[in-house]
Amino acid sequence: MHIRALTRGPPLCELTMTTSRNDIYAREVVMARVGHLIRRKQREIERITRILRSFFDPSQVQAPEPGQIKRIILIGTYARRSWYEDSRTIDFSDYEFWIVVNHPLFTDERCWQHARDVIRRELGDRCAVDLEIYSKSDIRVAKAERDTFILDRIEAGITLYRVSRDAPLGARDGGRSRP
């Protein structure tokens, strides 16, 4: 994995990734879900999704069940197809990801700090990434209370990963491989 700056204008985030032969996760699946975006943005979103899945660290908290990401959703301007990028003013849309986990304890920042650090290190300041972490119970409460803020964003968002339909990151180690 390396980041290279494009030669025109201010540095842009460009990712090149190699995948392991044992990796049965098809990055093209995530990229197809954001097919309305340019290829560079598709690759960035796929890479962020992979980092979130790989570096989620549920061992940082004690919980009554093993930690699991249930869903990763892209919301905001990239999901609404209204993103912008102005290379003259270095003004651009942020990536906004909502992550749903199986237990409220896994919303703790300690579970996500390593993933945030890797994203910051690999994407730099040029690609701002906002993460919101919710538990399944948070979503159930939002549905019961008809919380339109949460429900509208989930409905308008693009599900990049869902545990019930998507392949694990690595076959040989139960999805715990590091990219």
C-alpha atoms as a PDB file:
ATOM      1  CA  MET A   1       0.000   0.000   0.000  1.00  0.00           C
ATOM      2  CA  HIS A   2       1.314   3.410  -0.812  1.00  0.00           C
ATOM      3  CA  ILE A   3      -0.067   6.880  -1.319  1.00  0.00           C
ATOM      4  CA  ARG A   4       1.117   8.958  -4.215  1.00  0.00           C
ATOM      5  CA  ALA A   5       0.364  12.549  -5.009  1.00  0.00           C
ATOM      6  CA  LEU A   6      -0.964  13.419  -8.442  1.00  0.00           C
ATOM      7  CA  THR A   7       1.152  15.966 -10.248  1.00  0.00           C
ATOM      8  CA  ARG A   8      -1.558  18.537 -11.090  1.00  0.00           C
ATOM      9  CA  GLY A   9      -2.603  21.002  -8.397  1.00  0.00           C
ATOM     10  CA  PRO A  10      -2.503  20.306  -4.685  1.00  0.00           C
ATOM     11  CA  PRO A  11      -1.759  16.782  -3.514  1.00  0.00           C
ATOM     12  CA  LEU A  12      -4.656  14.400  -3.915  1.00  0.00           C
ATOM     13  CA  CYS A  13      -5.103  11.122  -2.161  1.00  0.00           C
ATOM     14  CA  GLU A  14      -4.447   8.252  -4.558  1.00  0.00           C
ATOM     15  CA  LEU A  15      -4.338   4.721  -3.225  1.00  0.00           C
ATOM     16  CA  THR A  16      -2.804   1.653  -4.741  1.00  0.00           C
ATOM     17  CA  MET A  17      -3.450  -1.612  -2.992  1.00  0.00           C
ATOM     18  CA  THR A  18      -2.302  -5.148  -3.368  1.00  0.00           C
ATOM     19  CA  THR A  19      -4.412  -7.977  -2.071  1.00  0.00           C
ATOM     20  CA  SER A  20      -3.351 -11.260  -0.619  1.00  0.00           C
ATOM     21  CA  ARG A  21      -4.010 -14.458  -2.559  1.00  0.00           C
ATOM     22  CA  ASN A  22      -5.852 -15.735   0.514  1.00  0.00           C
ATOM     23  CA  ASP A  23      -8.152 -12.726   0.586  1.00  0.00           C
ATOM     24  CA  ILE A  24     -11.597 -13.804  -0.593  1.00  0.00           C
ATOM     25  CA  TYR A  25     -13.064 -10.334  -0.009  1.00  0.00           C
ATOM     26  CA  ALA A  26     -13.652  -8.791  -3.426  1.00  0.00           C
ATOM     27  CA  ARG A  27     -12.879  -5.082  -3.280  1.00  0.00           C
ATOM     28  CA  GLU A  28     -14.787  -4.642  -6.539  1.00  0.00           C
ATOM     29  CA  VAL A  29     -18.018  -5.346  -4.640  1.00  0.00           C
ATOM     30  CA  VAL A  30     -17.622  -2.233  -2.494  1.00  0.00           C
ATOM     31  CA  MET A  31     -16.410  -0.194  -5.463  1.00  0.00           C
ATOM     32  CA  ALA A  32     -19.490  -1.224  -7.473  1.00  0.00           C
ATOM     33  CA  ARG A  33     -21.725   0.021  -4.663  1.00  0.00           C
ATOM     34  CA  VAL A  34     -20.246   3.490  -5.204  1.00  0.00           C
ATOM     35  CA  GLY A  35     -20.026   3.179  -8.984  1.00  0.00           C
ATOM     36  CA  HIS A  36     -21.414   6.701  -9.429  1.00  0.00           C
ATOM     37  CA  LEU A  37     -18.107   8.116  -8.161  1.00  0.00           C
ATOM     38  CA  ILE A  38     -14.823   8.526 -10.003  1.00  0.00           C
ATOM     39  CA  ARG A  39     -12.410   5.577  -9.673  1.00  0.00           C
ATOM     40  CA  ARG A  40     -10.109   7.363  -7.211  1.00  0.00           C
ATOM     41  CA  LYS A  41     -13.028   7.990  -4.847  1.00  0.00           C
ATOM     42  CA  GLN A  42     -14.219   4.391  -5.249  1.00  0.00           C
ATOM     43  CA  ARG A  43     -10.762   3.132  -4.267  1.00  0.00           C
ATOM     44  CA  GLU A  44     -10.566   5.468  -1.283  1.00  0.00           C
ATOM     45  CA  ILE A  45     -13.963   4.379   0.011  1.00  0.00           C
ATOM     46  CA  GLU A  46     -13.108   0.716  -0.481  1.00  0.00           C
ATOM     47  CA  ARG A  47      -9.824   1.202   1.364  1.00  0.00           C
ATOM     48  CA  ILE A  48     -11.496   2.979   4.285  1.00  0.00           C
ATOM     49  CA  THR A  49     -14.079   0.182   4.486  1.00  0.00           C
ATOM     50  CA  ARG A  50     -11.303  -2.416   4.541  1.00  0.00           C
ATOM     51  CA  ILE A  51      -9.399  -0.521   7.254  1.00  0.00           C
ATOM     52  CA  LEU A  52     -12.520  -0.231   9.402  1.00  0.00           C
ATOM     53  CA  ARG A  53     -13.167  -3.949   9.110  1.00  0.00           C
ATOM     54  CA  SER A  54      -9.545  -4.925   9.681  1.00  0.00           C
ATOM     55  CA  PHE A  55      -8.625  -2.627  12.535  1.00  0.00           C
ATOM     56  CA  PHE A  56     -11.822  -2.671  14.593  1.00  0.00           C
ATOM     57  CA  ASP A  57     -10.477  -3.828  17.964  1.00  0.00           C
ATOM     58  CA  PRO A  58     -13.232  -5.210  20.225  1.00  0.00           C
ATOM     59  CA  SER A  59     -10.627  -6.572  22.654  1.00  0.00           C
ATOM     60  CA  GLN A  60     -10.280  -3.054  24.083  1.00  0.00           C
ATOM     61  CA  VAL A  61     -13.492  -3.478  26.106  1.00  0.00           C
ATOM     62  CA  GLN A  62     -14.983  -6.352  28.064  1.00  0.00           C
ATOM     63  CA  ALA A  63     -18.366  -7.337  26.690  1.00  0.00           C
ATOM     64  CA  PRO A  64     -20.740 -10.264  27.139  1.00  0.00           C
ATOM     65  CA  GLU A  65     -20.351 -11.258  23.486  1.00  0.00           C
ATOM     66  CA  PRO A  66     -17.660 -11.092  20.790  1.00  0.00           C
ATOM     67  CA  GLY A  67     -17.497  -7.785  18.953  1.00  0.00           C
ATOM     68  CA  GLN A  68     -18.750  -7.632  15.401  1.00  0.00           C
ATOM     69  CA  ILE A  69     -19.355  -4.945  12.814  1.00  0.00           C
ATOM     70  CA  LYS A  70     -22.865  -5.492  11.507  1.00  0.00           C
ATOM     71  CA  ARG A  71     -22.938  -2.791   8.877  1.00  0.00           C
ATOM     72  CA  ILE A  72     -20.862   0.024   7.360  1.00  0.00           C
ATOM     73  CA  ILE A  73     -22.852   2.758   5.630  1.00  0.00           C
ATOM     74  CA  LEU A  74     -21.608   5.652   3.516  1.00  0.00           C
ATOM     75  CA  ILE A  75     -23.775   8.691   4.149  1.00  0.00           C
ATOM     76  CA  GLY A  76     -23.617  12.342   3.211  1.00  0.00           C
ATOM     77  CA  THR A  77     -22.566  13.943  -0.030  1.00  0.00           C
ATOM     78  CA  TYR A  78     -20.865  10.894  -1.530  1.00  0.00           C
ATOM     79  CA  ALA A  79     -24.003   8.791  -1.009  1.00  0.00           C
ATOM     80  CA  ARG A  80     -26.281  11.593  -2.259  1.00  0.00           C
ATOM     81  CA  ARG A  81     -24.129  12.084  -5.355  1.00  0.00           C
ATOM     82  CA  SER A  82     -23.541  15.740  -4.476  1.00  0.00           C
ATOM     83  CA  TRP A  83     -19.860  15.587  -3.530  1.00  0.00           C
ATOM     84  CA  TYR A  84     -17.497  18.316  -4.575  1.00  0.00           C
ATOM     85  CA  GLU A  85     -13.780  18.766  -4.973  1.00  0.00           C
ATOM     86  CA  ASP A  86     -12.151  22.056  -5.918  1.00  0.00           C
ATOM     87  CA  SER A  87      -8.411  21.668  -6.479  1.00  0.00           C
ATOM     88  CA  ARG A  88      -7.858  25.449  -6.624  1.00  0.00           C
ATOM     89  CA  THR A  89      -9.213  26.128  -3.142  1.00  0.00           C
ATOM     90  CA  ILE A  90      -8.472  22.667  -1.739  1.00  0.00           C
ATOM     91  CA  ASP A  91     -12.138  22.460  -0.734  1.00  0.00           C
ATOM     92  CA  PHE A  92     -13.662  18.987  -0.766  1.00  0.00           C
ATOM     93  CA  SER A  93     -16.399  16.868   0.749  1.00  0.00           C
ATOM     94  CA  ASP A  94     -15.673  14.719   3.786  1.00  0.00           C
ATOM     95  CA  TYR A  95     -16.302  11.002   3.764  1.00  0.00           C
ATOM     96  CA  GLU A  96     -18.991  10.155   6.301  1.00  0.00           C
ATOM     97  CA  PHE A  97     -19.268   6.582   7.519  1.00  0.00           C
ATOM     98  CA  TRP A  98     -21.789   5.181   9.972  1.00  0.00           C
ATOM     99  CA  ILE A  99     -20.841   1.878  11.539  1.00  0.00           C
ATOM    100  CA  VAL A 100     -23.314  -0.384  13.328  1.00  0.00           C
ATOM    101  CA  VAL A 101     -21.900  -2.852  15.856  1.00  0.00           C
ATOM    102  CA  ASN A 102     -23.584  -5.696  17.698  1.00  0.00           C
ATOM    103  CA  HIS A 103     -23.272  -4.334  21.254  1.00  0.00           C
ATOM    104  CA  PRO A 104     -23.221  -0.811  22.773  1.00  0.00           C
ATOM    105  CA  LEU A 105     -19.853  -1.449  24.445  1.00  0.00           C
ATOM    106  CA  PHE A 106     -18.203  -1.646  21.028  1.00  0.00           C
ATOM    107  CA  THR A 107     -19.088   1.979  20.300  1.00  0.00           C
ATOM    108  CA  ASP A 108     -16.304   2.908  22.730  1.00  0.00           C
ATOM    109  CA  GLU A 109     -13.600   5.031  21.117  1.00  0.00           C
ATOM    110  CA  ARG A 110     -10.902   2.595  22.259  1.00  0.00           C
ATOM    111  CA  CYS A 111     -12.273  -0.009  19.829  1.00  0.00           C
ATOM    112  CA  TRP A 112     -11.848   2.413  16.931  1.00  0.00           C
ATOM    113  CA  GLN A 113      -8.685   4.324  17.754  1.00  0.00           C
ATOM    114  CA  HIS A 114      -6.353   2.051  15.785  1.00  0.00           C
ATOM    115  CA  ALA A 115      -8.629   2.187  12.713  1.00  0.00           C
ATOM    116  CA  ARG A 116      -8.781   5.989  12.964  1.00  0.00           C
ATOM    117  CA  ASP A 117      -4.984   6.172  13.248  1.00  0.00           C
ATOM    118  CA  VAL A 118      -4.475   3.953  10.187  1.00  0.00           C
ATOM    119  CA  ILE A 119      -6.973   5.983   8.147  1.00  0.00           C
ATOM    120  CA  ARG A 120      -5.291   9.236   9.195  1.00  0.00           C
ATOM    121  CA  ARG A 121      -1.838   7.859   8.405  1.00  0.00           C
ATOM    122  CA  GLU A 122      -2.754   6.380   5.016  1.00  0.00           C
ATOM    123  CA  LEU A 123      -5.128   9.052   3.733  1.00  0.00           C
ATOM    124  CA  GLY A 124      -3.601  12.119   5.351  1.00  0.00           C
ATOM    125  CA  ASP A 125      -5.279  15.477   5.720  1.00  0.00           C
ATOM    126  CA  ARG A 126      -6.505  15.570   2.126  1.00  0.00           C
ATOM    127  CA  CYS A 127      -9.176  12.940   2.679  1.00  0.00           C
ATOM    128  CA  ALA A 128     -11.205  13.863   5.762  1.00  0.00           C
ATOM    129  CA  VAL A 129     -13.106  10.904   7.232  1.00  0.00           C
ATOM    130  CA  ASP A 130     -15.896  11.221   9.801  1.00  0.00           C
ATOM    131  CA  LEU A 131     -16.960   8.097  11.703  1.00  0.00           C
ATOM    132  CA  GLU A 132     -20.140   7.672  13.735  1.00  0.00           C
ATOM    133  CA  ILE A 133     -20.514   4.431  15.639  1.00  0.00           C
ATOM    134  CA  TYR A 134     -23.931   3.057  16.616  1.00  0.00           C
ATOM    135  CA  SER A 135     -25.033  -0.179  18.228  1.00  0.00           C
ATOM    136  CA  LYS A 136     -27.891  -2.309  16.946  1.00  0.00           C
ATOM    137  CA  SER A 137     -29.878  -1.208  19.987  1.00  0.00           C
ATOM    138  CA  ASP A 138     -29.318   2.465  19.037  1.00  0.00           C
ATOM    139  CA  ILE A 139     -30.883   1.735  15.651  1.00  0.00           C
ATOM    140  CA  ARG A 140     -33.805  -0.142  17.256  1.00  0.00           C
ATOM    141  CA  VAL A 141     -34.447   2.828  19.566  1.00  0.00           C
ATOM    142  CA  ALA A 142     -34.277   5.230  16.600  1.00  0.00           C
ATOM    143  CA  LYS A 143     -36.871   3.121  14.787  1.00  0.00           C
ATOM    144  CA  ALA A 144     -39.132   2.941  17.830  1.00  0.00           C
ATOM    145  CA  GLU A 145     -38.880   6.703  18.387  1.00  0.00           C
ATOM    146  CA  ARG A 146     -39.108   7.435  14.665  1.00  0.00           C
ATOM    147  CA  ASP A 147     -35.869   9.436  14.815  1.00  0.00           C
ATOM    148  CA  THR A 148     -35.830  10.884  11.318  1.00  0.00           C
ATOM    149  CA  PHE A 149     -32.265  12.182  11.642  1.00  0.00           C
ATOM    150  CA  ILE A 150     -30.885   8.648  11.944  1.00  0.00           C
ATOM    151  CA  LEU A 151     -33.461   6.776   9.867  1.00  0.00           C
ATOM    152  CA  ASP A 152     -33.354   9.151   6.885  1.00  0.00           C
ATOM    153  CA  ARG A 153     -29.570   8.989   6.690  1.00  0.00           C
ATOM    154  CA  ILE A 154     -29.501   5.220   6.906  1.00  0.00           C
ATOM    155  CA  GLU A 155     -32.154   4.936   4.201  1.00  0.00           C
ATOM    156  CA  ALA A 156     -30.390   7.425   1.915  1.00  0.00           C
ATOM    157  CA  GLY A 157     -26.956   5.949   2.636  1.00  0.00           C
ATOM    158  CA  ILE A 158     -25.125   3.269   0.705  1.00  0.00           C
ATOM    159  CA  THR A 159     -24.430   0.059   2.609  1.00  0.00           C
ATOM    160  CA  LEU A 160     -20.821  -0.805   1.854  1.00  0.00           C
ATOM    161  CA  TYR A 161     -20.659  -3.828   4.125  1.00  0.00           C
ATOM    162  CA  ARG A 162     -23.271  -6.002   5.810  1.00  0.00           C
ATOM    163  CA  VAL A 163     -22.176  -9.003   7.839  1.00  0.00           C
ATOM    164  CA  SER A 164     -25.092 -11.122   6.607  1.00  0.00           C
ATOM    165  CA  ARG A 165     -24.207 -10.781   2.913  1.00  0.00           C
ATOM    166  CA  ASP A 166     -20.530  -9.937   2.490  1.00  0.00           C
ATOM    167  CA  ALA A 167     -17.496 -12.203   2.540  1.00  0.00           C
ATOM    168  CA  PRO A 168     -14.945 -12.083   5.348  1.00  0.00           C
ATOM    169  CA  LEU A 169     -11.708 -10.193   4.776  1.00  0.00           C
ATOM    170  CA  GLY A 170      -9.493 -13.284   4.985  1.00  0.00           C
ATOM    171  CA  ALA A 171     -10.474 -16.905   4.674  1.00  0.00           C
ATOM    172  CA  ARG A 172      -7.552 -18.397   6.552  1.00  0.00           C
ATOM    173  CA  ASP A 173      -7.910 -16.389   9.766  1.00  0.00           C
ATOM    174  CA  GLY A 174     -11.636 -15.823  10.077  1.00  0.00           C
ATOM    175  CA  GLY A 175     -11.701 -12.257   8.783  1.00  0.00           C
ATOM    176  CA  ARG A 176      -8.944 -10.928  11.043  1.00  0.00           C
ATOM    177  CA  SER A 177      -6.328 -10.382   8.338  1.00  0.00           C
ATOM    178  CA  ARG A 178      -4.559  -7.051   8.158  1.00  0.00           C
ATOM    179  CA  PRO A 179      -4.512  -5.301   4.783  1.00  0.00           C
END
